[in-house]
């Protein structure tokens, strides 16, 4: 098979989806974009994911990591590894929260660069797809992400404020 031939892998459960997110993180060369309801239970506090994302961000100062959620409480309060990344790489990483008018969007997805993506059909449906070397559909999802991102606001800060 040619390296540029699109490869689509069906995902039949949350374990498949988490493994696909890990694959996507490992494939990223420049940018990673993640959208989910709240990221809970998807491996974002796992040591292996933390190390992969940390290596990605350390790889080049131009690398970017974008996380977009309807609800950022899990990331802000129960996901210390993502907070450590945010504190260390605040200029390369952002966590945003969608506004109320986007809360009806129910299809989580993630995009790596311009070629790979993972998506599920609904927050409540563990089935999905891992697509590799599929630039056309990847660009569509990335454009959707950027539209949502522009309408959203910072959800978790890299600084600690207090008295």
C-alpha atoms as a PDB file:
ATOM      1  CA  UNK A   1       0.000   0.000   0.000  1.00  0.00           C
ATOM      2  CA  UNK A   2       1.209   3.503  -0.859  1.00  0.00           C
ATOM      3  CA  UNK A   3       1.858   5.766   2.156  1.00  0.00           C
ATOM      4  CA  UNK A   4      -0.623   8.277   0.723  1.00  0.00           C
ATOM      5  CA  UNK A   5      -3.506   5.821   0.340  1.00  0.00           C
ATOM      6  CA  UNK A   6      -6.290   6.686   2.790  1.00  0.00           C
ATOM      7  CA  UNK A   7      -6.691   4.095   5.514  1.00  0.00           C
ATOM      8  CA  UNK A   8      -9.948   4.022   7.496  1.00  0.00           C
ATOM      9  CA  UNK A   9     -10.233   1.848  10.598  1.00  0.00           C
ATOM     10  CA  UNK A  10     -13.587   1.274  12.295  1.00  0.00           C
ATOM     11  CA  UNK A  11     -13.688   1.863  16.038  1.00  0.00           C
ATOM     12  CA  UNK A  12     -16.148  -0.281  17.967  1.00  0.00           C
ATOM     13  CA  UNK A  13     -15.823   1.032  21.502  1.00  0.00           C
ATOM     14  CA  UNK A  14     -14.207   3.496  23.881  1.00  0.00           C
ATOM     15  CA  UNK A  15     -11.037   1.376  24.158  1.00  0.00           C
ATOM     16  CA  UNK A  16     -10.653   1.543  20.351  1.00  0.00           C
ATOM     17  CA  UNK A  17     -11.284   5.293  20.429  1.00  0.00           C
ATOM     18  CA  UNK A  18      -8.658   5.860  23.149  1.00  0.00           C
ATOM     19  CA  UNK A  19      -6.127   3.761  21.198  1.00  0.00           C
ATOM     20  CA  UNK A  20      -6.960   5.756  18.039  1.00  0.00           C
ATOM     21  CA  UNK A  21      -6.363   9.029  19.907  1.00  0.00           C
ATOM     22  CA  UNK A  22      -2.970   7.675  21.002  1.00  0.00           C
ATOM     23  CA  UNK A  23      -2.170   6.769  17.376  1.00  0.00           C
ATOM     24  CA  UNK A  24      -3.188  10.251  16.253  1.00  0.00           C
ATOM     25  CA  UNK A  25      -0.973  11.872  18.900  1.00  0.00           C
ATOM     26  CA  UNK A  26       1.985   9.793  17.736  1.00  0.00           C
ATOM     27  CA  UNK A  27       1.415  10.723  14.082  1.00  0.00           C
ATOM     28  CA  UNK A  28       1.228  14.481  14.622  1.00  0.00           C
ATOM     29  CA  UNK A  29       4.062  16.453  13.061  1.00  0.00           C
ATOM     30  CA  UNK A  30       2.854  20.041  13.574  1.00  0.00           C
ATOM     31  CA  UNK A  31      -0.589  20.530  15.156  1.00  0.00           C
ATOM     32  CA  UNK A  32      -3.133  18.569  17.173  1.00  0.00           C
ATOM     33  CA  UNK A  33      -6.773  19.587  17.540  1.00  0.00           C
ATOM     34  CA  UNK A  34      -9.170  17.846  19.971  1.00  0.00           C
ATOM     35  CA  UNK A  35     -12.864  18.451  20.499  1.00  0.00           C
ATOM     36  CA  UNK A  36     -14.912  16.611  23.128  1.00  0.00           C
ATOM     37  CA  UNK A  37     -17.718  17.199  25.574  1.00  0.00           C
ATOM     38  CA  UNK A  38     -15.356  17.156  28.572  1.00  0.00           C
ATOM     39  CA  UNK A  39     -12.457  14.713  27.835  1.00  0.00           C
ATOM     40  CA  UNK A  40     -13.308  12.548  30.848  1.00  0.00           C
ATOM     41  CA  UNK A  41     -12.412   8.864  30.495  1.00  0.00           C
ATOM     42  CA  UNK A  42     -10.467   9.333  27.261  1.00  0.00           C
ATOM     43  CA  UNK A  43      -6.912   8.883  28.543  1.00  0.00           C
ATOM     44  CA  UNK A  44      -5.926  12.536  28.812  1.00  0.00           C
ATOM     45  CA  UNK A  45      -4.566  12.002  32.312  1.00  0.00           C
ATOM     46  CA  UNK A  46      -2.696   8.789  31.419  1.00  0.00           C
ATOM     47  CA  UNK A  47       1.089   8.801  31.772  1.00  0.00           C
ATOM     48  CA  UNK A  48       1.625   7.477  28.225  1.00  0.00           C
ATOM     49  CA  UNK A  49      -0.564  10.191  26.632  1.00  0.00           C
ATOM     50  CA  UNK A  50       1.122  12.843  28.770  1.00  0.00           C
ATOM     51  CA  UNK A  51       4.573  11.671  27.632  1.00  0.00           C
ATOM     52  CA  UNK A  52       3.509  11.541  23.977  1.00  0.00           C
ATOM     53  CA  UNK A  53       2.041  15.058  24.085  1.00  0.00           C
ATOM     54  CA  UNK A  54       5.011  16.391  26.037  1.00  0.00           C
ATOM     55  CA  UNK A  55       7.431  14.926  23.468  1.00  0.00           C
ATOM     56  CA  UNK A  56       5.319  16.407  20.680  1.00  0.00           C
ATOM     57  CA  UNK A  57       5.429  19.883  22.248  1.00  0.00           C
ATOM     58  CA  UNK A  58       9.142  19.611  23.044  1.00  0.00           C
ATOM     59  CA  UNK A  59       9.881  18.500  19.471  1.00  0.00           C
ATOM     60  CA  UNK A  60       9.579  21.973  18.004  1.00  0.00           C
ATOM     61  CA  UNK A  61       8.554  25.370  19.435  1.00  0.00           C
ATOM     62  CA  UNK A  62       6.158  25.754  16.483  1.00  0.00           C
ATOM     63  CA  UNK A  63       4.102  22.659  17.465  1.00  0.00           C
ATOM     64  CA  UNK A  64       0.600  23.485  18.713  1.00  0.00           C
ATOM     65  CA  UNK A  65      -1.928  21.607  20.830  1.00  0.00           C
ATOM     66  CA  UNK A  66      -5.561  22.780  20.924  1.00  0.00           C
ATOM     67  CA  UNK A  67      -8.215  21.278  23.225  1.00  0.00           C
ATOM     68  CA  UNK A  68     -11.823  22.418  22.890  1.00  0.00           C
ATOM     69  CA  UNK A  69     -14.557  21.256  25.274  1.00  0.00           C
ATOM     70  CA  UNK A  70     -18.166  22.037  26.095  1.00  0.00           C
ATOM     71  CA  UNK A  71     -17.195  21.685  29.761  1.00  0.00           C
ATOM     72  CA  UNK A  72     -13.582  22.204  30.914  1.00  0.00           C
ATOM     73  CA  UNK A  73     -14.092  21.288  34.597  1.00  0.00           C
ATOM     74  CA  UNK A  74     -12.581  17.805  34.211  1.00  0.00           C
ATOM     75  CA  UNK A  75      -9.447  19.188  32.558  1.00  0.00           C
ATOM     76  CA  UNK A  76      -9.176  21.983  35.132  1.00  0.00           C
ATOM     77  CA  UNK A  77      -9.764  19.923  38.274  1.00  0.00           C
ATOM     78  CA  UNK A  78      -9.186  16.200  37.654  1.00  0.00           C
ATOM     79  CA  UNK A  79      -6.551  16.105  34.927  1.00  0.00           C
ATOM     80  CA  UNK A  80      -3.258  17.237  36.518  1.00  0.00           C
ATOM     81  CA  UNK A  81      -1.110  15.989  33.637  1.00  0.00           C
ATOM     82  CA  UNK A  82      -2.888  18.256  31.151  1.00  0.00           C
ATOM     83  CA  UNK A  83      -2.487  21.146  33.600  1.00  0.00           C
ATOM     84  CA  UNK A  84       1.248  20.412  33.882  1.00  0.00           C
ATOM     85  CA  UNK A  85       1.508  20.512  30.091  1.00  0.00           C
ATOM     86  CA  UNK A  86      -0.450  23.764  29.989  1.00  0.00           C
ATOM     87  CA  UNK A  87       1.817  25.336  32.616  1.00  0.00           C
ATOM     88  CA  UNK A  88       4.977  24.194  30.839  1.00  0.00           C
ATOM     89  CA  UNK A  89       3.816  24.899  27.279  1.00  0.00           C
ATOM     90  CA  UNK A  90       1.345  27.758  27.733  1.00  0.00           C
ATOM     91  CA  UNK A  91       2.461  29.442  24.535  1.00  0.00           C
ATOM     92  CA  UNK A  92       2.050  26.226  22.499  1.00  0.00           C
ATOM     93  CA  UNK A  93      -1.090  24.802  24.072  1.00  0.00           C
ATOM     94  CA  UNK A  94      -4.595  26.135  24.725  1.00  0.00           C
ATOM     95  CA  UNK A  95      -7.758  24.802  26.321  1.00  0.00           C
ATOM     96  CA  UNK A  96     -10.942  26.554  25.214  1.00  0.00           C
ATOM     97  CA  UNK A  97     -14.593  26.168  26.127  1.00  0.00           C
ATOM     98  CA  UNK A  98     -17.425  26.386  23.641  1.00  0.00           C
ATOM     99  CA  UNK A  99     -20.145  28.983  24.189  1.00  0.00           C
ATOM    100  CA  UNK A 100     -23.755  28.025  24.885  1.00  0.00           C
ATOM    101  CA  UNK A 101     -24.802  28.339  21.238  1.00  0.00           C
ATOM    102  CA  UNK A 102     -22.362  25.547  20.247  1.00  0.00           C
ATOM    103  CA  UNK A 103     -23.363  23.132  23.005  1.00  0.00           C
ATOM    104  CA  UNK A 104     -25.667  21.277  20.592  1.00  0.00           C
ATOM    105  CA  UNK A 105     -22.645  19.899  18.678  1.00  0.00           C
ATOM    106  CA  UNK A 106     -22.390  16.267  19.750  1.00  0.00           C
ATOM    107  CA  UNK A 107     -19.749  14.649  17.493  1.00  0.00           C
ATOM    108  CA  UNK A 108     -16.308  14.467  19.135  1.00  0.00           C
ATOM    109  CA  UNK A 109     -13.257  14.449  16.884  1.00  0.00           C
ATOM    110  CA  UNK A 110      -9.530  15.033  16.766  1.00  0.00           C
ATOM    111  CA  UNK A 111      -7.239  16.090  13.919  1.00  0.00           C
ATOM    112  CA  UNK A 112      -3.489  15.725  13.410  1.00  0.00           C
ATOM    113  CA  UNK A 113      -1.943  18.125  10.922  1.00  0.00           C
ATOM    114  CA  UNK A 114      -3.578  17.985   7.507  1.00  0.00           C
ATOM    115  CA  UNK A 115      -3.801  14.221   7.046  1.00  0.00           C
ATOM    116  CA  UNK A 116      -5.240  12.230   9.957  1.00  0.00           C
ATOM    117  CA  UNK A 117      -8.329  12.318  12.151  1.00  0.00           C
ATOM    118  CA  UNK A 118     -10.394  10.357  14.640  1.00  0.00           C
ATOM    119  CA  UNK A 119     -14.110  10.909  15.065  1.00  0.00           C
ATOM    120  CA  UNK A 120     -17.062   9.396  16.818  1.00  0.00           C
ATOM    121  CA  UNK A 121     -20.641   9.668  15.678  1.00  0.00           C
ATOM    122  CA  UNK A 122     -21.949  11.044  18.984  1.00  0.00           C
ATOM    123  CA  UNK A 123     -20.734  11.618  22.546  1.00  0.00           C
ATOM    124  CA  UNK A 124     -22.978   8.736  23.658  1.00  0.00           C
ATOM    125  CA  UNK A 125     -21.930   6.372  20.838  1.00  0.00           C
ATOM    126  CA  UNK A 126     -18.551   4.680  21.244  1.00  0.00           C
ATOM    127  CA  UNK A 127     -18.326   3.769  17.552  1.00  0.00           C
ATOM    128  CA  UNK A 128     -16.166   5.845  15.272  1.00  0.00           C
ATOM    129  CA  UNK A 129     -13.391   5.926  12.711  1.00  0.00           C
ATOM    130  CA  UNK A 130      -9.641   6.469  12.593  1.00  0.00           C
ATOM    131  CA  UNK A 131      -8.654   7.943   9.246  1.00  0.00           C
ATOM    132  CA  UNK A 132      -5.038   8.111   8.188  1.00  0.00           C
ATOM    133  CA  UNK A 133      -3.735   9.797   5.038  1.00  0.00           C
ATOM    134  CA  UNK A 134      -7.122  11.347   4.263  1.00  0.00           C
ATOM    135  CA  UNK A 135      -6.352  15.035   3.667  1.00  0.00           C
ATOM    136  CA  UNK A 136      -9.704  15.969   2.104  1.00  0.00           C
ATOM    137  CA  UNK A 137     -11.848  14.900   5.072  1.00  0.00           C
ATOM    138  CA  UNK A 138      -9.179  16.027   7.523  1.00  0.00           C
ATOM    139  CA  UNK A 139      -9.288  19.565   6.110  1.00  0.00           C
ATOM    140  CA  UNK A 140     -13.082  19.597   6.485  1.00  0.00           C
ATOM    141  CA  UNK A 141     -12.882  18.585  10.162  1.00  0.00           C
ATOM    142  CA  UNK A 142     -10.064  21.037  10.826  1.00  0.00           C
ATOM    143  CA  UNK A 143     -12.106  23.868   9.277  1.00  0.00           C
ATOM    144  CA  UNK A 144     -15.047  22.878  11.490  1.00  0.00           C
ATOM    145  CA  UNK A 145     -12.767  22.899  14.516  1.00  0.00           C
ATOM    146  CA  UNK A 146     -11.407  26.347  13.674  1.00  0.00           C
ATOM    147  CA  UNK A 147     -14.918  27.780  13.276  1.00  0.00           C
ATOM    148  CA  UNK A 148     -15.814  26.439  16.717  1.00  0.00           C
ATOM    149  CA  UNK A 149     -12.491  27.648  18.176  1.00  0.00           C
ATOM    150  CA  UNK A 150     -12.970  31.213  16.952  1.00  0.00           C
ATOM    151  CA  UNK A 151     -16.415  31.352  18.592  1.00  0.00           C
ATOM    152  CA  UNK A 152     -15.094  29.914  21.891  1.00  0.00           C
ATOM    153  CA  UNK A 153     -13.190  31.373  24.834  1.00  0.00           C
ATOM    154  CA  UNK A 154     -10.286  30.311  27.075  1.00  0.00           C
ATOM    155  CA  UNK A 155     -11.517  27.667  29.491  1.00  0.00           C
ATOM    156  CA  UNK A 156      -8.417  26.844  31.543  1.00  0.00           C
ATOM    157  CA  UNK A 157      -5.580  29.235  32.276  1.00  0.00           C
ATOM    158  CA  UNK A 158      -1.912  28.312  32.442  1.00  0.00           C
ATOM    159  CA  UNK A 159      -1.439  30.659  35.407  1.00  0.00           C
ATOM    160  CA  UNK A 160      -2.600  30.277  38.976  1.00  0.00           C
ATOM    161  CA  UNK A 161      -4.385  33.306  40.337  1.00  0.00           C
ATOM    162  CA  UNK A 162      -5.209  33.716  43.976  1.00  0.00           C
ATOM    163  CA  UNK A 163      -4.824  35.876  47.026  1.00  0.00           C
END
